[in-house]
Amino acid sequence: FPFMDVVGYGLGWLVASYRGHKVVFHDGALDGISTFVMLFPDDGIGATVLTNLQETKAIYATTMYSMDALLGWTPLVPDWNLYYQSIQKIQDEANSAAIKQRDANRKLGTSPSHPSSSQYVGQYV
């Protein structure tokens, strides 16, 4: 996360410092939803952002805007949304390149070693 010094991980939460203040946060996603929780325990504030979008950086931009506003700070980034959109673009380009590389390395003209799926059926312990 931008402008944060990550200190560690504790009980499912990332623990960091943002602008000299302790912060703990956690994000997650399932099909069609994304969530982000950020707390400033020593300042007694926090925010939770829930969306019905998967793979979105909007949760981070919204949270950073909220935290800066709640703490009365001028945002470190003039436009958090634009900042996270640029990060998403870089990640999307890297993912596309990785998929192209994977496809280029695929061995063509092969078939499964056991053509019948019944040969895979069984109890696995």
N, C-alpha and C. Protein backbone atom coordinates (compact mmCIF):
# COMPACT_ATOMS: atom_id res chain seq x y z
N PHE A 1 0.84 -1.18 0.00
CA PHE A 1 0.00 0.00 0.00
C PHE A 1 0.88 1.24 0.00
N PRO A 2 0.42 2.27 -0.66
CA PRO A 2 1.28 3.43 -0.83
C PRO A 2 1.54 4.17 0.47
N PHE A 3 2.75 4.64 0.57
CA PHE A 3 3.10 5.55 1.66
C PHE A 3 2.94 4.91 3.03
N MET A 4 2.97 3.59 3.10
CA MET A 4 2.86 2.89 4.38
C MET A 4 4.11 2.06 4.61
N ASP A 5 4.58 2.07 5.83
CA ASP A 5 5.65 1.19 6.23
C ASP A 5 5.02 -0.01 6.92
N VAL A 6 4.98 -1.14 6.22
CA VAL A 6 4.36 -2.33 6.79
C VAL A 6 5.29 -2.90 7.86
N VAL A 7 4.74 -3.05 9.03
CA VAL A 7 5.50 -3.53 10.18
C VAL A 7 5.38 -5.04 10.30
N GLY A 8 4.19 -5.57 10.05
CA GLY A 8 4.02 -7.00 10.22
C GLY A 8 2.61 -7.45 9.96
N TYR A 9 2.35 -8.66 10.42
CA TYR A 9 1.07 -9.33 10.20
C TYR A 9 0.65 -9.93 11.52
N GLY A 10 -0.58 -9.68 11.92
CA GLY A 10 -1.04 -10.21 13.19
C GLY A 10 -2.50 -10.59 13.19
N LEU A 11 -2.78 -11.86 13.42
CA LEU A 11 -4.14 -12.37 13.52
C LEU A 11 -5.00 -12.00 12.30
N GLY A 12 -4.40 -12.11 11.12
CA GLY A 12 -5.13 -11.84 9.89
C GLY A 12 -5.10 -10.40 9.43
N TRP A 13 -4.47 -9.52 10.19
CA TRP A 13 -4.41 -8.10 9.86
C TRP A 13 -2.99 -7.71 9.50
N LEU A 14 -2.84 -6.84 8.49
CA LEU A 14 -1.55 -6.21 8.25
C LEU A 14 -1.44 -5.04 9.20
N VAL A 15 -0.29 -4.89 9.80
CA VAL A 15 -0.03 -3.81 10.74
C VAL A 15 1.00 -2.90 10.10
N ALA A 16 0.70 -1.61 10.06
CA ALA A 16 1.59 -0.67 9.37
C ALA A 16 1.57 0.68 10.06
N SER A 17 2.36 1.58 9.48
CA SER A 17 2.39 2.97 9.91
C SER A 17 2.08 3.84 8.69
N TYR A 18 1.15 4.77 8.87
CA TYR A 18 0.80 5.71 7.81
C TYR A 18 0.87 7.10 8.40
N ARG A 19 1.79 7.90 7.89
CA ARG A 19 1.98 9.26 8.37
C ARG A 19 2.25 9.29 9.88
N GLY A 20 2.96 8.29 10.35
CA GLY A 20 3.33 8.22 11.76
C GLY A 20 2.25 7.67 12.68
N HIS A 21 1.14 7.21 12.11
CA HIS A 21 0.04 6.67 12.91
C HIS A 21 -0.08 5.17 12.65
N LYS A 22 -0.32 4.41 13.71
CA LYS A 22 -0.51 2.98 13.59
C LYS A 22 -1.80 2.71 12.82
N VAL A 23 -1.72 1.77 11.88
CA VAL A 23 -2.89 1.39 11.10
C VAL A 23 -2.90 -0.13 10.94
N VAL A 24 -4.08 -0.71 11.03
CA VAL A 24 -4.26 -2.13 10.75
C VAL A 24 -5.31 -2.24 9.65
N PHE A 25 -5.11 -3.19 8.74
CA PHE A 25 -6.07 -3.30 7.64
C PHE A 25 -6.11 -4.72 7.10
N HIS A 26 -7.19 -5.00 6.39
CA HIS A 26 -7.40 -6.31 5.78
C HIS A 26 -8.35 -6.14 4.61
N ASP A 27 -8.07 -6.85 3.53
CA ASP A 27 -8.98 -6.83 2.39
C ASP A 27 -9.35 -8.25 2.00
N GLY A 28 -10.34 -8.36 1.15
CA GLY A 28 -10.76 -9.67 0.69
C GLY A 28 -11.74 -9.55 -0.45
N ALA A 29 -11.92 -10.66 -1.15
CA ALA A 29 -12.85 -10.67 -2.28
C ALA A 29 -13.36 -12.08 -2.52
N LEU A 30 -14.58 -12.14 -2.98
CA LEU A 30 -15.20 -13.36 -3.48
C LEU A 30 -15.78 -13.01 -4.83
N ASP A 31 -16.34 -13.99 -5.50
CA ASP A 31 -16.95 -13.71 -6.81
C ASP A 31 -17.93 -12.56 -6.70
N GLY A 32 -17.60 -11.46 -7.35
CA GLY A 32 -18.52 -10.33 -7.43
C GLY A 32 -18.47 -9.33 -6.30
N ILE A 33 -17.61 -9.51 -5.30
CA ILE A 33 -17.55 -8.53 -4.21
C ILE A 33 -16.10 -8.30 -3.79
N SER A 34 -15.84 -7.11 -3.27
CA SER A 34 -14.55 -6.77 -2.69
C SER A 34 -14.79 -5.98 -1.41
N THR A 35 -13.93 -6.18 -0.43
CA THR A 35 -14.06 -5.46 0.84
C THR A 35 -12.70 -4.98 1.31
N PHE A 36 -12.72 -3.92 2.09
CA PHE A 36 -11.49 -3.41 2.68
C PHE A 36 -11.85 -2.76 4.01
N VAL A 37 -11.09 -3.12 5.04
CA VAL A 37 -11.27 -2.54 6.37
C VAL A 37 -9.94 -1.92 6.79
N MET A 38 -9.98 -0.67 7.23
CA MET A 38 -8.78 0.00 7.72
C MET A 38 -9.11 0.68 9.03
N LEU A 39 -8.28 0.45 10.03
CA LEU A 39 -8.49 1.02 11.36
C LEU A 39 -7.26 1.79 11.81
N PHE A 40 -7.49 2.90 12.45
CA PHE A 40 -6.45 3.65 13.14
C PHE A 40 -6.77 3.51 14.63
N PRO A 41 -6.32 2.43 15.27
CA PRO A 41 -6.75 2.15 16.64
C PRO A 41 -6.40 3.24 17.65
N ASP A 42 -5.25 3.85 17.52
CA ASP A 42 -4.86 4.89 18.48
C ASP A 42 -5.63 6.19 18.27
N ASP A 43 -6.19 6.37 17.08
CA ASP A 43 -6.97 7.57 16.78
C ASP A 43 -8.47 7.33 16.95
N GLY A 44 -8.85 6.06 17.17
CA GLY A 44 -10.25 5.73 17.39
C GLY A 44 -11.13 5.85 16.15
N ILE A 45 -10.55 5.68 14.97
CA ILE A 45 -11.36 5.75 13.75
C ILE A 45 -11.05 4.57 12.85
N GLY A 46 -11.96 4.37 11.92
CA GLY A 46 -11.76 3.32 10.93
C GLY A 46 -12.79 3.44 9.84
N ALA A 47 -12.60 2.67 8.80
CA ALA A 47 -13.54 2.66 7.68
C ALA A 47 -13.62 1.26 7.11
N THR A 48 -14.81 0.92 6.65
CA THR A 48 -15.04 -0.32 5.93
C THR A 48 -15.69 0.03 4.61
N VAL A 49 -15.14 -0.48 3.54
CA VAL A 49 -15.70 -0.23 2.21
C VAL A 49 -16.09 -1.58 1.62
N LEU A 50 -17.35 -1.68 1.20
CA LEU A 50 -17.89 -2.89 0.59
C LEU A 50 -18.35 -2.55 -0.82
N THR A 51 -18.04 -3.39 -1.79
CA THR A 51 -18.48 -3.14 -3.16
C THR A 51 -19.07 -4.41 -3.75
N ASN A 52 -19.84 -4.23 -4.80
CA ASN A 52 -20.31 -5.38 -5.56
C ASN A 52 -19.50 -5.49 -6.85
N LEU A 53 -18.23 -5.18 -6.75
CA LEU A 53 -17.29 -5.30 -7.85
C LEU A 53 -16.15 -6.20 -7.41
N GLN A 54 -15.69 -7.04 -8.31
CA GLN A 54 -14.55 -7.88 -8.00
C GLN A 54 -13.32 -7.28 -8.67
N GLU A 55 -12.16 -7.47 -8.06
CA GLU A 55 -10.92 -6.98 -8.64
C GLU A 55 -10.96 -5.48 -8.89
N THR A 56 -11.37 -4.71 -7.89
CA THR A 56 -11.42 -3.26 -8.03
C THR A 56 -10.50 -2.58 -7.04
N LYS A 57 -9.88 -1.53 -7.49
CA LYS A 57 -9.04 -0.73 -6.59
C LYS A 57 -9.85 0.41 -5.97
N ALA A 58 -11.11 0.54 -6.35
CA ALA A 58 -11.96 1.61 -5.81
C ALA A 58 -12.06 1.53 -4.28
N ILE A 59 -11.99 0.32 -3.74
CA ILE A 59 -12.09 0.18 -2.28
C ILE A 59 -10.91 0.86 -1.58
N TYR A 60 -9.74 0.81 -2.20
CA TYR A 60 -8.57 1.44 -1.59
C TYR A 60 -8.62 2.96 -1.74
N ALA A 61 -9.00 3.42 -2.92
CA ALA A 61 -9.09 4.87 -3.14
C ALA A 61 -10.11 5.49 -2.20
N THR A 62 -11.27 4.85 -2.07
CA THR A 62 -12.33 5.36 -1.19
C THR A 62 -11.86 5.39 0.26
N THR A 63 -11.16 4.34 0.68
CA THR A 63 -10.67 4.28 2.05
C THR A 63 -9.62 5.36 2.32
N MET A 64 -8.71 5.55 1.40
CA MET A 64 -7.66 6.55 1.61
C MET A 64 -8.25 7.96 1.65
N TYR A 65 -9.21 8.26 0.77
CA TYR A 65 -9.90 9.55 0.83
C TYR A 65 -10.55 9.73 2.21
N SER A 66 -11.23 8.66 2.66
CA SER A 66 -11.96 8.72 3.94
C SER A 66 -11.02 8.94 5.12
N MET A 67 -9.92 8.19 5.15
CA MET A 67 -8.99 8.30 6.27
C MET A 67 -8.36 9.69 6.32
N ASP A 68 -7.93 10.20 5.17
CA ASP A 68 -7.34 11.54 5.13
C ASP A 68 -8.35 12.57 5.63
N ALA A 69 -9.61 12.45 5.20
CA ALA A 69 -10.65 13.41 5.60
C ALA A 69 -10.96 13.29 7.09
N LEU A 70 -11.10 12.06 7.60
CA LEU A 70 -11.42 11.86 9.01
C LEU A 70 -10.32 12.39 9.93
N LEU A 71 -9.08 12.29 9.48
CA LEU A 71 -7.96 12.76 10.29
C LEU A 71 -7.60 14.22 10.01
N GLY A 72 -8.33 14.86 9.09
CA GLY A 72 -8.10 16.26 8.79
C GLY A 72 -6.82 16.52 8.03
N TRP A 73 -6.38 15.54 7.28
CA TRP A 73 -5.13 15.64 6.54
C TRP A 73 -5.36 16.01 5.09
N THR A 74 -4.43 16.72 4.52
CA THR A 74 -4.41 16.93 3.07
C THR A 74 -3.93 15.63 2.44
N PRO A 75 -4.64 15.11 1.45
CA PRO A 75 -4.22 13.83 0.86
C PRO A 75 -2.79 13.90 0.32
N LEU A 76 -2.05 12.82 0.52
CA LEU A 76 -0.69 12.74 0.00
C LEU A 76 -0.69 12.62 -1.52
N VAL A 77 -1.77 12.11 -2.06
CA VAL A 77 -1.94 11.96 -3.51
C VAL A 77 -3.12 12.84 -3.91
N PRO A 78 -2.96 13.71 -4.90
CA PRO A 78 -4.05 14.61 -5.27
C PRO A 78 -5.33 13.88 -5.68
N ASP A 79 -5.19 12.70 -6.31
CA ASP A 79 -6.35 11.95 -6.76
C ASP A 79 -6.09 10.46 -6.51
N TRP A 80 -6.59 9.96 -5.38
CA TRP A 80 -6.37 8.56 -5.03
C TRP A 80 -6.95 7.62 -6.08
N ASN A 81 -8.10 7.98 -6.66
CA ASN A 81 -8.71 7.12 -7.66
C ASN A 81 -7.81 6.98 -8.88
N LEU A 82 -7.28 8.09 -9.37
CA LEU A 82 -6.37 8.06 -10.52
C LEU A 82 -5.11 7.27 -10.17
N TYR A 83 -4.61 7.45 -8.96
CA TYR A 83 -3.43 6.72 -8.51
C TYR A 83 -3.67 5.21 -8.58
N TYR A 84 -4.80 4.75 -8.03
CA TYR A 84 -5.08 3.32 -8.02
C TYR A 84 -5.45 2.80 -9.41
N GLN A 85 -6.03 3.64 -10.27
CA GLN A 85 -6.27 3.23 -11.65
C GLN A 85 -4.95 2.94 -12.36
N SER A 86 -3.93 3.76 -12.10
CA SER A 86 -2.63 3.53 -12.73
C SER A 86 -2.01 2.22 -12.24
N ILE A 87 -2.19 1.92 -10.95
CA ILE A 87 -1.69 0.65 -10.41
C ILE A 87 -2.43 -0.52 -11.07
N GLN A 88 -3.76 -0.39 -11.21
CA GLN A 88 -4.55 -1.45 -11.84
C GLN A 88 -4.10 -1.68 -13.28
N LYS A 89 -3.81 -0.61 -14.00
CA LYS A 89 -3.36 -0.74 -15.39
C LYS A 89 -2.05 -1.51 -15.46
N ILE A 90 -1.11 -1.20 -14.57
CA ILE A 90 0.17 -1.91 -14.54
C ILE A 90 -0.05 -3.39 -14.23
N GLN A 91 -0.92 -3.69 -13.28
CA GLN A 91 -1.20 -5.08 -12.93
C GLN A 91 -1.89 -5.82 -14.07
N ASP A 92 -2.84 -5.15 -14.75
CA ASP A 92 -3.53 -5.77 -15.88
C ASP A 92 -2.55 -6.09 -17.00
N GLU A 93 -1.63 -5.18 -17.28
CA GLU A 93 -0.62 -5.41 -18.33
C GLU A 93 0.29 -6.57 -17.96
N ALA A 94 0.69 -6.66 -16.69
CA ALA A 94 1.53 -7.76 -16.24
C ALA A 94 0.79 -9.09 -16.34
N ASN A 95 -0.50 -9.10 -15.97
CA ASN A 95 -1.30 -10.32 -16.07
C ASN A 95 -1.44 -10.76 -17.52
N SER A 96 -1.69 -9.82 -18.43
CA SER A 96 -1.82 -10.15 -19.85
C SER A 96 -0.52 -10.74 -20.39
N ALA A 97 0.59 -10.15 -19.99
CA ALA A 97 1.89 -10.65 -20.44
C ALA A 97 2.14 -12.06 -19.91
N ALA A 98 1.76 -12.32 -18.67
CA ALA A 98 1.95 -13.65 -18.09
C ALA A 98 1.09 -14.69 -18.79
N ILE A 99 -0.14 -14.33 -19.14
CA ILE A 99 -1.02 -15.25 -19.86
C ILE A 99 -0.46 -15.55 -21.25
N LYS A 100 0.03 -14.52 -21.94
CA LYS A 100 0.64 -14.73 -23.26
C LYS A 100 1.85 -15.64 -23.16
N GLN A 101 2.67 -15.44 -22.14
CA GLN A 101 3.85 -16.28 -21.94
C GLN A 101 3.44 -17.72 -21.65
N ARG A 102 2.45 -17.89 -20.78
CA ARG A 102 1.97 -19.24 -20.47
C ARG A 102 1.46 -19.94 -21.73
N ASP A 103 0.68 -19.22 -22.55
CA ASP A 103 0.13 -19.80 -23.77
C ASP A 103 1.24 -20.14 -24.76
N ALA A 104 2.26 -19.28 -24.84
CA ALA A 104 3.38 -19.53 -25.75
C ALA A 104 4.18 -20.77 -25.33
N ASN A 105 4.21 -21.08 -24.05
CA ASN A 105 4.96 -22.23 -23.53
C ASN A 105 4.15 -23.52 -23.54
N ARG A 106 2.87 -23.43 -23.87
CA ARG A 106 2.00 -24.61 -23.85
C ARG A 106 2.45 -25.61 -24.91
N LYS A 107 2.51 -26.88 -24.54
CA LYS A 107 2.89 -27.95 -25.45
C LYS A 107 1.64 -28.35 -26.25
N LEU A 108 1.72 -28.17 -27.56
CA LEU A 108 0.60 -28.51 -28.43
C LEU A 108 0.65 -29.98 -28.82
N GLY A 109 -0.50 -30.52 -29.19
CA GLY A 109 -0.56 -31.90 -29.67
C GLY A 109 -0.43 -32.94 -28.59
N THR A 110 -0.71 -32.59 -27.36
CA THR A 110 -0.63 -33.56 -26.26
C THR A 110 -2.03 -34.00 -25.87
N SER A 111 -2.10 -35.05 -25.10
CA SER A 111 -3.39 -35.53 -24.59
C SER A 111 -3.17 -36.06 -23.18
N PRO A 112 -4.25 -36.19 -22.41
CA PRO A 112 -4.12 -36.70 -21.04
C PRO A 112 -3.52 -38.11 -21.03
N SER A 113 -2.76 -38.42 -20.00
CA SER A 113 -2.15 -39.75 -19.91
C SER A 113 -3.21 -40.83 -19.63
N HIS A 114 -4.33 -40.44 -19.05
CA HIS A 114 -5.45 -41.35 -18.81
C HIS A 114 -6.68 -40.74 -19.48
N PRO A 115 -7.01 -41.18 -20.69
CA PRO A 115 -8.08 -40.53 -21.44
C PRO A 115 -9.47 -40.62 -20.81
N SER A 116 -9.72 -41.62 -20.00
CA SER A 116 -11.03 -41.76 -19.39
C SER A 116 -11.03 -41.12 -18.00
N SER A 117 -12.02 -40.26 -17.75
CA SER A 117 -12.07 -39.62 -16.43
C SER A 117 -12.33 -40.63 -15.33
N SER A 118 -12.90 -41.80 -15.67
CA SER A 118 -13.16 -42.81 -14.64
C SER A 118 -11.85 -43.34 -14.05
N GLN A 119 -10.75 -43.16 -14.77
CA GLN A 119 -9.47 -43.62 -14.25
C GLN A 119 -8.94 -42.71 -13.14
N TYR A 120 -9.57 -41.55 -12.97
CA TYR A 120 -9.17 -40.63 -11.91
C TYR A 120 -10.08 -40.73 -10.68
N VAL A 121 -11.16 -41.45 -10.80
CA VAL A 121 -12.15 -41.57 -9.73
C VAL A 121 -11.60 -42.48 -8.65
N GLY A 122 -11.75 -42.07 -7.40
CA GLY A 122 -11.30 -42.89 -6.30
C GLY A 122 -11.31 -42.12 -5.01
N GLN A 123 -10.84 -42.75 -3.95
CA GLN A 123 -10.72 -42.07 -2.67
C GLN A 123 -9.28 -41.64 -2.50
N TYR A 124 -9.11 -40.37 -2.22
CA TYR A 124 -7.78 -39.83 -1.99
C TYR A 124 -7.71 -39.31 -0.57
N VAL A 125 -6.71 -39.75 0.16
CA VAL A 125 -6.59 -39.35 1.56
C VAL A 125 -5.33 -38.57 1.75
